[in-house]
Amino acid sequence: MPLFSGSSPTPFYYWEDDILVLNILGRPQSKRDAIGKVIGHQLEVHVAAIPRRGQATAHMARFLAGEFDVPVAAIQVVFGVKNVNKQLRIKSPQKLPAAIQR
């Protein structure tokens, strides 16, 4: 059974062994790439990419790979490639943003 973390009523992430399962609210066409705040059960992620044919999601995966210090191949988009609501699985993240704890 996953252990839920976070201070929001519905957690925006949980761990499955060494895999971080993360619910994302994508904000494409932003001024810059950045991790935002927790909104409900999602972590807001801003990306400068244009949302066209999944390109913003691919850009987001590259950005988050750097933020979590993992190769891009360690990030799997479970759903939401062409939607602002996404779920990602990140295998063995080496770094964690302040909003996420192990």
C-alpha atoms as a PDB file:
ATOM      1  CA  MET A   1       0.000   0.000   0.000  1.00  0.00           C
ATOM      2  CA  PRO A   2       1.481   3.402  -0.940  1.00  0.00           C
ATOM      3  CA  LEU A   3       2.501   5.762   1.813  1.00  0.00           C
ATOM      4  CA  PHE A   4       1.040   9.189   1.174  1.00  0.00           C
ATOM      5  CA  SER A   5       2.860  12.396   2.022  1.00  0.00           C
ATOM      6  CA  GLY A   6       2.251  16.094   1.739  1.00  0.00           C
ATOM      7  CA  SER A   7       0.071  18.510   3.648  1.00  0.00           C
ATOM      8  CA  SER A   8      -2.851  18.770   1.215  1.00  0.00           C
ATOM      9  CA  PRO A   9      -6.004  16.708   1.911  1.00  0.00           C
ATOM     10  CA  THR A  10      -5.453  14.590  -1.209  1.00  0.00           C
ATOM     11  CA  PRO A  11      -1.742  13.865  -1.678  1.00  0.00           C
ATOM     12  CA  PHE A  12      -0.111  14.959  -4.922  1.00  0.00           C
ATOM     13  CA  TYR A  13       2.555  12.240  -4.753  1.00  0.00           C
ATOM     14  CA  TYR A  14       3.364   8.879  -3.261  1.00  0.00           C
ATOM     15  CA  TRP A  15       6.173   6.346  -3.343  1.00  0.00           C
ATOM     16  CA  GLU A  16       6.139   2.823  -4.782  1.00  0.00           C
ATOM     17  CA  ASP A  17       9.488   1.526  -3.531  1.00  0.00           C
ATOM     18  CA  ASP A  18      12.035   3.724  -5.369  1.00  0.00           C
ATOM     19  CA  ILE A  19       9.488   5.169  -7.831  1.00  0.00           C
ATOM     20  CA  LEU A  20       7.944   8.568  -7.161  1.00  0.00           C
ATOM     21  CA  VAL A  21       4.391   8.813  -8.538  1.00  0.00           C
ATOM     22  CA  LEU A  22       3.595  12.482  -9.067  1.00  0.00           C
ATOM     23  CA  ASN A  23       0.385  14.262 -10.120  1.00  0.00           C
ATOM     24  CA  ILE A  24       1.145  17.354 -12.204  1.00  0.00           C
ATOM     25  CA  LEU A  25      -0.803  20.412 -13.278  1.00  0.00           C
ATOM     26  CA  GLY A  26       1.064  21.569 -16.373  1.00  0.00           C
ATOM     27  CA  ARG A  27       1.357  25.262 -17.192  1.00  0.00           C
ATOM     28  CA  PRO A  28       2.645  25.467 -20.784  1.00  0.00           C
ATOM     29  CA  GLN A  29       3.723  28.672 -22.521  1.00  0.00           C
ATOM     30  CA  SER A  30       5.092  30.112 -19.273  1.00  0.00           C
ATOM     31  CA  LYS A  31       7.859  32.698 -19.158  1.00  0.00           C
ATOM     32  CA  ARG A  32      10.290  30.111 -17.796  1.00  0.00           C
ATOM     33  CA  ASP A  33      10.532  26.519 -16.645  1.00  0.00           C
ATOM     34  CA  ALA A  34       9.827  26.242 -12.913  1.00  0.00           C
ATOM     35  CA  ILE A  35       8.249  24.083 -10.256  1.00  0.00           C
ATOM     36  CA  GLY A  36       5.320  25.972  -8.758  1.00  0.00           C
ATOM     37  CA  LYS A  37       3.111  25.406  -5.773  1.00  0.00           C
ATOM     38  CA  VAL A  38       0.875  22.549  -4.723  1.00  0.00           C
ATOM     39  CA  ILE A  39      -2.686  23.095  -5.934  1.00  0.00           C
ATOM     40  CA  GLY A  40      -5.086  20.561  -4.463  1.00  0.00           C
ATOM     41  CA  HIS A  41      -3.752  17.131  -5.380  1.00  0.00           C
ATOM     42  CA  GLN A  42      -1.313  18.345  -8.064  1.00  0.00           C
ATOM     43  CA  LEU A  43       2.095  19.979  -8.246  1.00  0.00           C
ATOM     44  CA  GLU A  44       2.105  22.931 -10.617  1.00  0.00           C
ATOM     45  CA  VAL A  45       4.924  22.798 -13.185  1.00  0.00           C
ATOM     46  CA  HIS A  46       5.531  25.721 -15.536  1.00  0.00           C
ATOM     47  CA  VAL A  47       7.246  25.149 -18.891  1.00  0.00           C
ATOM     48  CA  ALA A  48       8.111  27.606 -21.632  1.00  0.00           C
ATOM     49  CA  ALA A  49       7.180  25.142 -24.399  1.00  0.00           C
ATOM     50  CA  ILE A  50       4.119  25.500 -26.627  1.00  0.00           C
ATOM     51  CA  PRO A  51       1.466  22.785 -26.078  1.00  0.00           C
ATOM     52  CA  ARG A  52       1.466  21.171 -29.497  1.00  0.00           C
ATOM     53  CA  ARG A  53       1.289  17.393 -30.107  1.00  0.00           C
ATOM     54  CA  GLY A  54       2.775  16.560 -26.698  1.00  0.00           C
ATOM     55  CA  GLN A  55       5.819  18.804 -27.141  1.00  0.00           C
ATOM     56  CA  ALA A  56       5.222  20.655 -23.865  1.00  0.00           C
ATOM     57  CA  THR A  57       5.043  17.342 -21.997  1.00  0.00           C
ATOM     58  CA  ALA A  58       8.298  16.172 -23.593  1.00  0.00           C
ATOM     59  CA  HIS A  59       9.901  19.491 -22.634  1.00  0.00           C
ATOM     60  CA  MET A  60       8.537  19.086 -19.097  1.00  0.00           C
ATOM     61  CA  ALA A  61      10.073  15.611 -18.824  1.00  0.00           C
ATOM     62  CA  ARG A  62      13.481  17.016 -19.863  1.00  0.00           C
ATOM     63  CA  PHE A  63      13.149  19.869 -17.351  1.00  0.00           C
ATOM     64  CA  LEU A  64      12.075  17.553 -14.515  1.00  0.00           C
ATOM     65  CA  ALA A  65      14.883  15.113 -15.321  1.00  0.00           C
ATOM     66  CA  GLY A  66      17.296  17.886 -14.393  1.00  0.00           C
ATOM     67  CA  GLU A  67      15.308  18.874 -11.303  1.00  0.00           C
ATOM     68  CA  PHE A  68      15.211  15.290  -9.998  1.00  0.00           C
ATOM     69  CA  ASP A  69      18.724  14.443 -11.284  1.00  0.00           C
ATOM     70  CA  VAL A  70      17.622  11.456 -13.362  1.00  0.00           C
ATOM     71  CA  PRO A  71      17.928  10.578 -17.060  1.00  0.00           C
ATOM     72  CA  VAL A  72      14.886  11.483 -19.166  1.00  0.00           C
ATOM     73  CA  ALA A  73      14.299   7.752 -19.675  1.00  0.00           C
ATOM     74  CA  ALA A  74      13.620   7.435 -15.909  1.00  0.00           C
ATOM     75  CA  ILE A  75      10.457   9.553 -16.304  1.00  0.00           C
ATOM     76  CA  GLN A  76       7.324   7.807 -17.548  1.00  0.00           C
ATOM     77  CA  VAL A  77       4.168   9.745 -18.392  1.00  0.00           C
ATOM     78  CA  VAL A  78       1.355   7.518 -17.120  1.00  0.00           C
ATOM     79  CA  PHE A  79      -1.387   9.760 -18.538  1.00  0.00           C
ATOM     80  CA  GLY A  80      -1.823  13.317 -19.788  1.00  0.00           C
ATOM     81  CA  VAL A  81       0.671  13.593 -22.651  1.00  0.00           C
ATOM     82  CA  LYS A  82      -1.692  16.023 -24.406  1.00  0.00           C
ATOM     83  CA  ASN A  83      -3.438  17.386 -21.300  1.00  0.00           C
ATOM     84  CA  VAL A  84      -2.482  19.746 -18.469  1.00  0.00           C
ATOM     85  CA  ASN A  85      -3.440  17.050 -15.924  1.00  0.00           C
ATOM     86  CA  LYS A  86      -0.692  14.449 -15.844  1.00  0.00           C
ATOM     87  CA  GLN A  87       0.706  11.655 -13.772  1.00  0.00           C
ATOM     88  CA  LEU A  88       4.408  10.857 -13.916  1.00  0.00           C
ATOM     89  CA  ARG A  89       6.486   8.009 -12.539  1.00  0.00           C
ATOM     90  CA  ILE A  90      10.068   8.975 -11.741  1.00  0.00           C
ATOM     91  CA  LYS A  91      12.464   6.117 -11.079  1.00  0.00           C
ATOM     92  CA  SER A  92      15.061   6.628  -8.331  1.00  0.00           C
ATOM     93  CA  PRO A  93      15.093  10.435  -8.095  1.00  0.00           C
ATOM     94  CA  GLN A  94      18.436  11.670  -6.753  1.00  0.00           C
ATOM     95  CA  LYS A  95      17.156  15.142  -5.785  1.00  0.00           C
ATOM     96  CA  LEU A  96      13.737  16.205  -4.517  1.00  0.00           C
ATOM     97  CA  PRO A  97      12.077  19.633  -4.651  1.00  0.00           C
ATOM     98  CA  ALA A  98      11.189  21.169  -1.271  1.00  0.00           C
ATOM     99  CA  ALA A  99       7.499  20.168  -1.599  1.00  0.00           C
ATOM    100  CA  ILE A 100       8.380  16.459  -1.765  1.00  0.00           C
ATOM    101  CA  GLN A 101       9.864  14.340   1.012  1.00  0.00           C
ATOM    102  CA  ARG A 102      11.078  10.759   0.999  1.00  0.00           C
END
